[in-house]
Amino acid sequence: MSDFRTPLARVRGLGSAKSGTGHFIAQRVSAIALVVLMPLFLIKLAKNAGAGYAEAAAWVGSPLGAILTLLAMTAALYHMRLGLQVVIEDYIYRPATKAALLILNTFVAAGLWIAVLYSVLALAR
């Protein structure tokens, strides 16, 4: 097998991180999930637009509403985290700043998901 890298590149050991394909597929799968889930979620949400708080809370607290909300928000937050990760990895050059932003990205996505989960569970009881 031929190695087409320059001698300097071979010494530095730079090259593929071997995780790009998995990341690419995960982002595409989450996008497909969003194409299916978001219209359903928004249509159901729009049907409750004229209703009051009690009716909207009752819908989110229902089994169908809770499952649809959690699936849609999980897919959206996961897709957001993957997309921001690519932006951070591509455009932030300082290693310490990159690491800090990647950690912050993960914590913000996880924190938002926990907030959604708590809200849905609070309405479902």
C-alpha atoms as a PDB file:
ATOM      1  CA  MET A   1       0.000   0.000   0.000  1.00  0.00           C
ATOM      2  CA  SER A   2       1.461   3.362  -1.042  1.00  0.00           C
ATOM      3  CA  ASP A   3       1.725   6.275   1.340  1.00  0.00           C
ATOM      4  CA  PHE A   4       1.214   9.518  -0.546  1.00  0.00           C
ATOM      5  CA  ARG A   5       2.013  11.809   2.372  1.00  0.00           C
ATOM      6  CA  THR A   6       5.136  13.924   2.400  1.00  0.00           C
ATOM      7  CA  PRO A   7       7.962  12.893   4.713  1.00  0.00           C
ATOM      8  CA  LEU A   8       7.074  15.791   7.042  1.00  0.00           C
ATOM      9  CA  ALA A   9       3.449  14.652   7.232  1.00  0.00           C
ATOM     10  CA  ARG A  10       4.576  11.096   8.025  1.00  0.00           C
ATOM     11  CA  VAL A  11       6.775  12.371  10.869  1.00  0.00           C
ATOM     12  CA  ARG A  12       3.999  14.572  12.303  1.00  0.00           C
ATOM     13  CA  GLY A  13       1.539  11.699  12.110  1.00  0.00           C
ATOM     14  CA  LEU A  14      -1.254  13.923  10.876  1.00  0.00           C
ATOM     15  CA  GLY A  15      -4.027  12.382   8.899  1.00  0.00           C
ATOM     16  CA  SER A  16      -7.512  11.048   9.199  1.00  0.00           C
ATOM     17  CA  ALA A  17      -8.906  10.689  12.702  1.00  0.00           C
ATOM     18  CA  LYS A  18     -10.918   7.682  11.414  1.00  0.00           C
ATOM     19  CA  SER A  19     -14.187   8.964  12.924  1.00  0.00           C
ATOM     20  CA  GLY A  20     -15.510  11.147  10.117  1.00  0.00           C
ATOM     21  CA  THR A  21     -17.728   8.507   8.516  1.00  0.00           C
ATOM     22  CA  GLY A  22     -19.548   7.666  11.729  1.00  0.00           C
ATOM     23  CA  HIS A  23     -20.088  11.333  12.485  1.00  0.00           C
ATOM     24  CA  PHE A  24     -21.359  11.959   8.957  1.00  0.00           C
ATOM     25  CA  ILE A  25     -23.830   9.062   9.169  1.00  0.00           C
ATOM     26  CA  ALA A  26     -25.044  10.110  12.630  1.00  0.00           C
ATOM     27  CA  GLN A  27     -25.725  13.624  11.391  1.00  0.00           C
ATOM     28  CA  ARG A  28     -27.635  12.338   8.357  1.00  0.00           C
ATOM     29  CA  VAL A  29     -29.704   9.904  10.442  1.00  0.00           C
ATOM     30  CA  SER A  30     -30.616  12.657  12.914  1.00  0.00           C
ATOM     31  CA  ALA A  31     -31.562  14.903   9.979  1.00  0.00           C
ATOM     32  CA  ILE A  32     -33.864  12.205   8.586  1.00  0.00           C
ATOM     33  CA  ALA A  33     -35.420  11.781  12.028  1.00  0.00           C
ATOM     34  CA  LEU A  34     -36.012  15.542  12.169  1.00  0.00           C
ATOM     35  CA  VAL A  35     -37.654  15.532   8.720  1.00  0.00           C
ATOM     36  CA  VAL A  36     -40.170  13.011  10.024  1.00  0.00           C
ATOM     37  CA  LEU A  37     -40.612  14.173  13.631  1.00  0.00           C
ATOM     38  CA  MET A  38     -40.640  17.961  13.361  1.00  0.00           C
ATOM     39  CA  PRO A  39     -43.634  18.282  11.005  1.00  0.00           C
ATOM     40  CA  LEU A  40     -45.615  15.898  13.210  1.00  0.00           C
ATOM     41  CA  PHE A  41     -44.602  17.788  16.346  1.00  0.00           C
ATOM     42  CA  LEU A  42     -45.319  21.210  14.838  1.00  0.00           C
ATOM     43  CA  ILE A  43     -48.698  20.132  13.424  1.00  0.00           C
ATOM     44  CA  LYS A  44     -49.775  18.802  16.820  1.00  0.00           C
ATOM     45  CA  LEU A  45     -48.438  21.955  18.471  1.00  0.00           C
ATOM     46  CA  ALA A  46     -50.272  24.181  15.976  1.00  0.00           C
ATOM     47  CA  LYS A  47     -53.553  22.389  16.695  1.00  0.00           C
ATOM     48  CA  ASN A  48     -53.189  23.552  20.306  1.00  0.00           C
ATOM     49  CA  ALA A  49     -52.340  27.148  19.330  1.00  0.00           C
ATOM     50  CA  GLY A  50     -55.777  28.521  20.229  1.00  0.00           C
ATOM     51  CA  ALA A  51     -56.083  26.420  23.354  1.00  0.00           C
ATOM     52  CA  GLY A  52     -55.094  27.569  26.772  1.00  0.00           C
ATOM     53  CA  TYR A  53     -52.226  26.459  28.947  1.00  0.00           C
ATOM     54  CA  ALA A  54     -54.182  23.592  30.501  1.00  0.00           C
ATOM     55  CA  GLU A  55     -55.019  22.032  27.128  1.00  0.00           C
ATOM     56  CA  ALA A  56     -51.462  22.383  25.831  1.00  0.00           C
ATOM     57  CA  ALA A  57     -50.035  20.961  29.062  1.00  0.00           C
ATOM     58  CA  ALA A  58     -52.506  18.089  28.886  1.00  0.00           C
ATOM     59  CA  TRP A  59     -51.388  17.289  25.327  1.00  0.00           C
ATOM     60  CA  VAL A  60     -47.667  17.343  26.226  1.00  0.00           C
ATOM     61  CA  GLY A  61     -48.474  15.255  29.288  1.00  0.00           C
ATOM     62  CA  SER A  62     -50.395  12.647  27.286  1.00  0.00           C
ATOM     63  CA  PRO A  63     -48.508   9.513  26.205  1.00  0.00           C
ATOM     64  CA  LEU A  64     -48.485  10.485  22.515  1.00  0.00           C
ATOM     65  CA  GLY A  65     -47.549  14.097  23.225  1.00  0.00           C
ATOM     66  CA  ALA A  66     -44.790  13.140  25.654  1.00  0.00           C
ATOM     67  CA  ILE A  67     -43.265  10.568  23.304  1.00  0.00           C
ATOM     68  CA  LEU A  68     -43.447  12.872  20.287  1.00  0.00           C
ATOM     69  CA  THR A  69     -41.982  15.801  22.241  1.00  0.00           C
ATOM     70  CA  LEU A  70     -39.129  13.735  23.661  1.00  0.00           C
ATOM     71  CA  LEU A  71     -38.286  12.136  20.312  1.00  0.00           C
ATOM     72  CA  ALA A  72     -38.356  15.450  18.435  1.00  0.00           C
ATOM     73  CA  MET A  73     -36.305  17.302  21.035  1.00  0.00           C
ATOM     74  CA  THR A  74     -33.811  14.444  21.396  1.00  0.00           C
ATOM     75  CA  ALA A  75     -33.225  14.372  17.634  1.00  0.00           C
ATOM     76  CA  ALA A  76     -33.011  18.188  17.455  1.00  0.00           C
ATOM     77  CA  LEU A  77     -30.545  18.536  20.337  1.00  0.00           C
ATOM     78  CA  TYR A  78     -28.392  15.651  19.114  1.00  0.00           C
ATOM     79  CA  HIS A  79     -28.317  17.123  15.604  1.00  0.00           C
ATOM     80  CA  MET A  80     -27.456  20.553  17.066  1.00  0.00           C
ATOM     81  CA  ARG A  81     -24.600  19.082  19.088  1.00  0.00           C
ATOM     82  CA  LEU A  82     -23.174  17.255  16.066  1.00  0.00           C
ATOM     83  CA  GLY A  83     -23.406  20.330  13.849  1.00  0.00           C
ATOM     84  CA  LEU A  84     -21.770  22.644  16.371  1.00  0.00           C
ATOM     85  CA  GLN A  85     -19.047  20.078  16.960  1.00  0.00           C
ATOM     86  CA  VAL A  86     -18.120  20.205  13.268  1.00  0.00           C
ATOM     87  CA  VAL A  87     -18.080  24.014  13.295  1.00  0.00           C
ATOM     88  CA  ILE A  88     -15.884  24.092  16.411  1.00  0.00           C
ATOM     89  CA  GLU A  89     -13.485  21.470  15.068  1.00  0.00           C
ATOM     90  CA  ASP A  90     -13.179  23.206  11.691  1.00  0.00           C
ATOM     91  CA  TYR A  91     -12.922  26.858  12.711  1.00  0.00           C
ATOM     92  CA  ILE A  92     -11.380  26.989  16.194  1.00  0.00           C
ATOM     93  CA  TYR A  93      -7.638  26.546  15.985  1.00  0.00           C
ATOM     94  CA  ARG A  94      -6.356  26.929  19.552  1.00  0.00           C
ATOM     95  CA  PRO A  95      -6.438  23.484  21.198  1.00  0.00           C
ATOM     96  CA  ALA A  96      -7.460  24.717  24.658  1.00  0.00           C
ATOM     97  CA  THR A  97     -10.280  26.852  23.274  1.00  0.00           C
ATOM     98  CA  LYS A  98     -11.402  24.008  21.010  1.00  0.00           C
ATOM     99  CA  ALA A  99     -11.486  21.536  23.909  1.00  0.00           C
ATOM    100  CA  ALA A 100     -13.363  23.963  26.151  1.00  0.00           C
ATOM    101  CA  LEU A 101     -15.967  24.711  23.486  1.00  0.00           C
ATOM    102  CA  LEU A 102     -16.472  21.023  22.659  1.00  0.00           C
ATOM    103  CA  ILE A 103     -17.056  20.271  26.338  1.00  0.00           C
ATOM    104  CA  LEU A 104     -19.392  23.261  26.659  1.00  0.00           C
ATOM    105  CA  ASN A 105     -21.273  22.141  23.545  1.00  0.00           C
ATOM    106  CA  THR A 106     -21.871  18.703  25.045  1.00  0.00           C
ATOM    107  CA  PHE A 107     -22.921  20.100  28.439  1.00  0.00           C
ATOM    108  CA  VAL A 108     -25.336  22.625  26.904  1.00  0.00           C
ATOM    109  CA  ALA A 109     -26.976  19.955  24.742  1.00  0.00           C
ATOM    110  CA  ALA A 110     -27.223  17.565  27.704  1.00  0.00           C
ATOM    111  CA  GLY A 111     -28.551  20.323  29.971  1.00  0.00           C
ATOM    112  CA  LEU A 112     -31.224  21.311  27.478  1.00  0.00           C
ATOM    113  CA  TRP A 113     -32.250  17.670  27.052  1.00  0.00           C
ATOM    114  CA  ILE A 114     -32.529  17.238  30.821  1.00  0.00           C
ATOM    115  CA  ALA A 115     -34.687  20.387  30.974  1.00  0.00           C
ATOM    116  CA  VAL A 116     -36.980  18.999  28.251  1.00  0.00           C
ATOM    117  CA  LEU A 117     -37.177  15.626  30.006  1.00  0.00           C
ATOM    118  CA  TYR A 118     -37.997  17.238  33.362  1.00  0.00           C
ATOM    119  CA  SER A 119     -40.644  19.465  31.778  1.00  0.00           C
ATOM    120  CA  VAL A 120     -42.354  16.596  29.990  1.00  0.00           C
ATOM    121  CA  LEU A 121     -42.265  14.387  33.072  1.00  0.00           C
ATOM    122  CA  ALA A 122     -43.635  17.204  35.218  1.00  0.00           C
ATOM    123  CA  LEU A 123     -46.552  17.657  32.827  1.00  0.00           C
ATOM    124  CA  ALA A 124     -47.147  13.914  32.491  1.00  0.00           C
ATOM    125  CA  ARG A 125     -47.834  13.231  36.151  1.00  0.00           C
END
